[in-house]
Amino acid sequence: MGEEGQVISCHTVDAWNQQLQNGKNKLVLCFISYPDFMHSFNHTYWGVEAMPTFLLLKDGKTVSKVVGAKKEELQQTIIKHAGNSGSSS
């Protein structure tokens, strides 16, 4: 992702954060703006071809991707992976 010592700006959207956390799992929601993403990250490596793209990472690996502003799909995907701590599928 970023180089050691590099500061990457992340903004948590409180409404989504509160809605998506169920109190049983530690979730970190990190939102990176398009300009920051294009200048700081290799979008080809991450497979980002459209905005918005939501990447769900577990142990530094992409476990799922939601393309588009699909709140219900994103919510279900997050819940699925947050409740599946023993596997990365």
N, C-alpha and C. Protein backbone atom coordinates (compact mmCIF):
# COMPACT_ATOMS: atom_id res chain seq x y z
N MET A 1 0.84 -1.16 0.00
CA MET A 1 0.00 0.00 0.00
C MET A 1 0.89 1.23 0.00
N GLY A 2 1.03 1.93 1.11
CA GLY A 2 1.91 3.08 1.14
C GLY A 2 3.28 2.70 1.65
N GLU A 3 4.20 3.60 1.49
CA GLU A 3 5.55 3.35 1.97
C GLU A 3 5.60 3.57 3.48
N GLU A 4 6.58 2.96 4.12
CA GLU A 4 6.74 3.12 5.56
C GLU A 4 6.90 4.59 5.90
N GLY A 5 6.17 5.04 6.90
CA GLY A 5 6.23 6.42 7.32
C GLY A 5 5.32 7.35 6.55
N GLN A 6 4.71 6.87 5.48
CA GLN A 6 3.82 7.69 4.67
C GLN A 6 2.47 7.81 5.37
N VAL A 7 1.94 9.02 5.43
CA VAL A 7 0.64 9.24 6.04
C VAL A 7 -0.41 9.19 4.94
N ILE A 8 -1.42 8.35 5.14
CA ILE A 8 -2.51 8.22 4.18
C ILE A 8 -3.76 8.73 4.87
N SER A 9 -4.43 9.67 4.25
CA SER A 9 -5.61 10.28 4.83
C SER A 9 -6.81 9.34 4.71
N CYS A 10 -7.41 9.01 5.84
CA CYS A 10 -8.61 8.16 5.87
C CYS A 10 -9.71 8.92 6.60
N HIS A 11 -10.88 8.90 6.06
CA HIS A 11 -12.01 9.58 6.66
C HIS A 11 -13.12 8.57 6.92
N THR A 12 -13.56 8.48 8.16
CA THR A 12 -14.64 7.57 8.50
C THR A 12 -15.95 8.33 8.39
N VAL A 13 -16.90 7.74 7.71
CA VAL A 13 -18.23 8.32 7.62
C VAL A 13 -19.03 7.74 8.78
N ASP A 14 -19.34 8.59 9.76
CA ASP A 14 -19.95 8.13 11.00
C ASP A 14 -21.25 7.37 10.80
N ALA A 15 -22.11 7.85 9.91
CA ALA A 15 -23.41 7.18 9.71
C ALA A 15 -23.21 5.74 9.24
N TRP A 16 -22.35 5.52 8.25
CA TRP A 16 -22.10 4.16 7.75
C TRP A 16 -21.38 3.35 8.81
N ASN A 17 -20.45 3.96 9.50
CA ASN A 17 -19.69 3.26 10.53
C ASN A 17 -20.65 2.70 11.58
N GLN A 18 -21.57 3.52 12.08
CA GLN A 18 -22.51 3.08 13.10
C GLN A 18 -23.46 2.01 12.56
N GLN A 19 -23.89 2.15 11.32
CA GLN A 19 -24.82 1.20 10.74
C GLN A 19 -24.16 -0.16 10.49
N LEU A 20 -22.90 -0.17 10.12
CA LEU A 20 -22.25 -1.41 9.71
C LEU A 20 -21.60 -2.18 10.85
N GLN A 21 -21.27 -1.50 11.92
CA GLN A 21 -20.65 -2.21 13.04
C GLN A 21 -21.74 -2.87 13.87
N ASN A 22 -21.53 -4.11 14.21
CA ASN A 22 -22.54 -4.82 15.00
C ASN A 22 -22.11 -5.02 16.44
N GLY A 23 -20.99 -4.44 16.83
CA GLY A 23 -20.54 -4.53 18.22
C GLY A 23 -19.77 -5.79 18.55
N LYS A 24 -19.78 -6.77 17.66
CA LYS A 24 -19.09 -8.04 17.92
C LYS A 24 -17.74 -8.12 17.21
N ASN A 25 -17.58 -7.34 16.18
CA ASN A 25 -16.37 -7.39 15.37
C ASN A 25 -15.75 -6.01 15.28
N LYS A 26 -14.46 -5.98 15.19
CA LYS A 26 -13.76 -4.71 15.02
C LYS A 26 -13.65 -4.44 13.52
N LEU A 27 -14.35 -3.40 13.09
CA LEU A 27 -14.31 -3.00 11.69
C LEU A 27 -13.64 -1.65 11.59
N VAL A 28 -12.82 -1.47 10.60
CA VAL A 28 -12.22 -0.18 10.33
C VAL A 28 -12.66 0.23 8.94
N LEU A 29 -13.39 1.32 8.86
CA LEU A 29 -13.82 1.83 7.56
C LEU A 29 -12.87 2.94 7.16
N CYS A 30 -12.26 2.78 6.04
CA CYS A 30 -11.26 3.73 5.56
C CYS A 30 -11.69 4.22 4.19
N PHE A 31 -11.94 5.50 4.07
CA PHE A 31 -12.35 6.09 2.80
C PHE A 31 -11.21 6.94 2.26
N ILE A 32 -10.82 6.66 1.05
CA ILE A 32 -9.72 7.39 0.42
C ILE A 32 -10.28 8.09 -0.80
N SER A 33 -10.05 9.39 -0.90
CA SER A 33 -10.60 10.16 -2.01
C SER A 33 -9.94 9.75 -3.32
N TYR A 34 -10.63 10.01 -4.41
CA TYR A 34 -10.13 9.64 -5.73
C TYR A 34 -8.74 10.23 -6.01
N PRO A 35 -8.52 11.55 -5.80
CA PRO A 35 -7.17 12.08 -6.08
C PRO A 35 -6.08 11.43 -5.22
N ASP A 36 -6.37 11.21 -3.93
CA ASP A 36 -5.39 10.55 -3.07
C ASP A 36 -5.10 9.14 -3.56
N PHE A 37 -6.15 8.44 -3.96
CA PHE A 37 -6.00 7.07 -4.43
C PHE A 37 -5.15 7.02 -5.69
N MET A 38 -5.45 7.88 -6.66
CA MET A 38 -4.74 7.86 -7.93
C MET A 38 -3.28 8.27 -7.78
N HIS A 39 -2.98 9.11 -6.79
CA HIS A 39 -1.60 9.57 -6.62
C HIS A 39 -0.80 8.69 -5.67
N SER A 40 -1.47 7.99 -4.76
CA SER A 40 -0.76 7.25 -3.72
C SER A 40 -0.78 5.74 -3.87
N PHE A 41 -1.68 5.23 -4.71
CA PHE A 41 -1.86 3.79 -4.81
C PHE A 41 -1.78 3.34 -6.26
N ASN A 42 -1.45 2.09 -6.44
CA ASN A 42 -1.44 1.48 -7.77
C ASN A 42 -2.84 0.92 -8.01
N HIS A 43 -3.70 1.71 -8.71
CA HIS A 43 -5.09 1.28 -8.91
C HIS A 43 -5.19 0.01 -9.74
N THR A 44 -4.22 -0.26 -10.59
CA THR A 44 -4.22 -1.49 -11.37
C THR A 44 -3.99 -2.69 -10.45
N TYR A 45 -3.07 -2.56 -9.52
CA TYR A 45 -2.80 -3.64 -8.56
C TYR A 45 -4.05 -3.99 -7.77
N TRP A 46 -4.79 -2.98 -7.35
CA TRP A 46 -5.98 -3.20 -6.55
C TRP A 46 -7.20 -3.57 -7.40
N GLY A 47 -7.09 -3.47 -8.72
CA GLY A 47 -8.20 -3.84 -9.60
C GLY A 47 -9.32 -2.82 -9.61
N VAL A 48 -9.00 -1.57 -9.35
CA VAL A 48 -10.01 -0.52 -9.35
C VAL A 48 -10.13 0.06 -10.75
N GLU A 49 -11.31 -0.09 -11.32
CA GLU A 49 -11.57 0.42 -12.67
C GLU A 49 -12.68 1.45 -12.69
N ALA A 50 -13.40 1.61 -11.59
CA ALA A 50 -14.50 2.56 -11.52
C ALA A 50 -14.61 3.09 -10.09
N MET A 51 -15.25 4.23 -9.97
CA MET A 51 -15.48 4.82 -8.66
C MET A 51 -16.97 4.94 -8.44
N PRO A 52 -17.47 4.67 -7.25
CA PRO A 52 -16.71 4.17 -6.12
C PRO A 52 -16.47 2.67 -6.21
N THR A 53 -15.36 2.24 -5.68
CA THR A 53 -15.05 0.83 -5.52
C THR A 53 -14.70 0.60 -4.06
N PHE A 54 -15.34 -0.38 -3.47
CA PHE A 54 -15.11 -0.72 -2.07
C PHE A 54 -14.34 -2.03 -2.01
N LEU A 55 -13.15 -1.98 -1.45
CA LEU A 55 -12.32 -3.17 -1.29
C LEU A 55 -12.40 -3.61 0.16
N LEU A 56 -12.69 -4.86 0.38
CA LEU A 56 -12.70 -5.41 1.73
C LEU A 56 -11.42 -6.21 1.90
N LEU A 57 -10.61 -5.77 2.85
CA LEU A 57 -9.31 -6.40 3.09
C LEU A 57 -9.33 -7.13 4.41
N LYS A 58 -8.67 -8.25 4.45
CA LYS A 58 -8.49 -9.00 5.68
C LYS A 58 -7.06 -9.50 5.66
N ASP A 59 -6.31 -9.16 6.69
CA ASP A 59 -4.89 -9.53 6.78
C ASP A 59 -4.11 -9.04 5.56
N GLY A 60 -4.46 -7.85 5.06
CA GLY A 60 -3.74 -7.24 3.94
C GLY A 60 -4.09 -7.79 2.57
N LYS A 61 -5.07 -8.68 2.50
CA LYS A 61 -5.45 -9.27 1.21
C LYS A 61 -6.90 -8.93 0.89
N THR A 62 -7.17 -8.69 -0.39
CA THR A 62 -8.53 -8.40 -0.81
C THR A 62 -9.38 -9.67 -0.73
N VAL A 63 -10.47 -9.61 0.04
CA VAL A 63 -11.36 -10.76 0.15
C VAL A 63 -12.66 -10.55 -0.61
N SER A 64 -12.96 -9.28 -0.94
CA SER A 64 -14.17 -9.00 -1.70
C SER A 64 -14.09 -7.58 -2.25
N LYS A 65 -14.88 -7.34 -3.28
CA LYS A 65 -14.91 -6.02 -3.91
C LYS A 65 -16.35 -5.71 -4.31
N VAL A 66 -16.81 -4.49 -4.01
CA VAL A 66 -18.13 -4.03 -4.43
C VAL A 66 -17.90 -2.79 -5.28
N VAL A 67 -18.37 -2.83 -6.52
CA VAL A 67 -18.21 -1.70 -7.43
C VAL A 67 -19.54 -0.98 -7.53
N GLY A 68 -19.51 0.32 -7.29
CA GLY A 68 -20.72 1.13 -7.36
C GLY A 68 -21.25 1.45 -5.97
N ALA A 69 -22.14 2.43 -5.93
CA ALA A 69 -22.73 2.86 -4.66
C ALA A 69 -23.91 1.97 -4.32
N LYS A 70 -23.61 0.74 -3.94
CA LYS A 70 -24.63 -0.27 -3.64
C LYS A 70 -24.61 -0.54 -2.14
N LYS A 71 -25.30 0.31 -1.41
CA LYS A 71 -25.24 0.27 0.06
C LYS A 71 -25.63 -1.09 0.62
N GLU A 72 -26.74 -1.67 0.15
CA GLU A 72 -27.19 -2.96 0.69
C GLU A 72 -26.18 -4.07 0.41
N GLU A 73 -25.67 -4.11 -0.83
CA GLU A 73 -24.68 -5.13 -1.18
C GLU A 73 -23.41 -4.95 -0.35
N LEU A 74 -22.99 -3.71 -0.19
CA LEU A 74 -21.80 -3.43 0.61
C LEU A 74 -22.02 -3.85 2.06
N GLN A 75 -23.17 -3.50 2.60
CA GLN A 75 -23.47 -3.86 3.99
C GLN A 75 -23.47 -5.37 4.18
N GLN A 76 -24.11 -6.11 3.30
CA GLN A 76 -24.16 -7.56 3.41
C GLN A 76 -22.77 -8.18 3.26
N THR A 77 -21.96 -7.63 2.36
CA THR A 77 -20.61 -8.14 2.16
C THR A 77 -19.75 -7.91 3.39
N ILE A 78 -19.88 -6.73 3.99
CA ILE A 78 -19.11 -6.43 5.20
C ILE A 78 -19.54 -7.36 6.34
N ILE A 79 -20.84 -7.52 6.51
CA ILE A 79 -21.34 -8.39 7.58
C ILE A 79 -20.86 -9.82 7.37
N LYS A 80 -20.89 -10.28 6.13
CA LYS A 80 -20.44 -11.64 5.81
C LYS A 80 -18.98 -11.85 6.23
N HIS A 81 -18.12 -10.91 5.87
CA HIS A 81 -16.69 -11.08 6.16
C HIS A 81 -16.35 -10.76 7.61
N ALA A 82 -17.08 -9.85 8.22
CA ALA A 82 -16.82 -9.52 9.62
C ALA A 82 -17.17 -10.69 10.53
N GLY A 83 -18.16 -11.46 10.13
CA GLY A 83 -18.58 -12.60 10.92
C GLY A 83 -17.81 -13.86 10.60
N ASN A 84 -16.89 -13.78 9.63
CA ASN A 84 -16.15 -14.95 9.16
C ASN A 84 -14.67 -14.76 9.46
N SER A 85 -14.33 -14.71 10.75
CA SER A 85 -12.95 -14.39 11.13
C SER A 85 -11.97 -15.52 10.91
N GLY A 86 -12.45 -16.74 10.71
CA GLY A 86 -11.54 -17.86 10.56
C GLY A 86 -11.11 -18.13 9.15
N SER A 87 -11.73 -17.45 8.17
CA SER A 87 -11.45 -17.73 6.76
C SER A 87 -11.39 -16.43 6.00
N SER A 88 -10.69 -16.43 4.88
CA SER A 88 -10.61 -15.22 4.06
C SER A 88 -11.35 -15.39 2.75
N SER A 89 -12.36 -16.23 2.67
CA SER A 89 -13.11 -16.42 1.43
C SER A 89 -14.42 -15.70 1.45
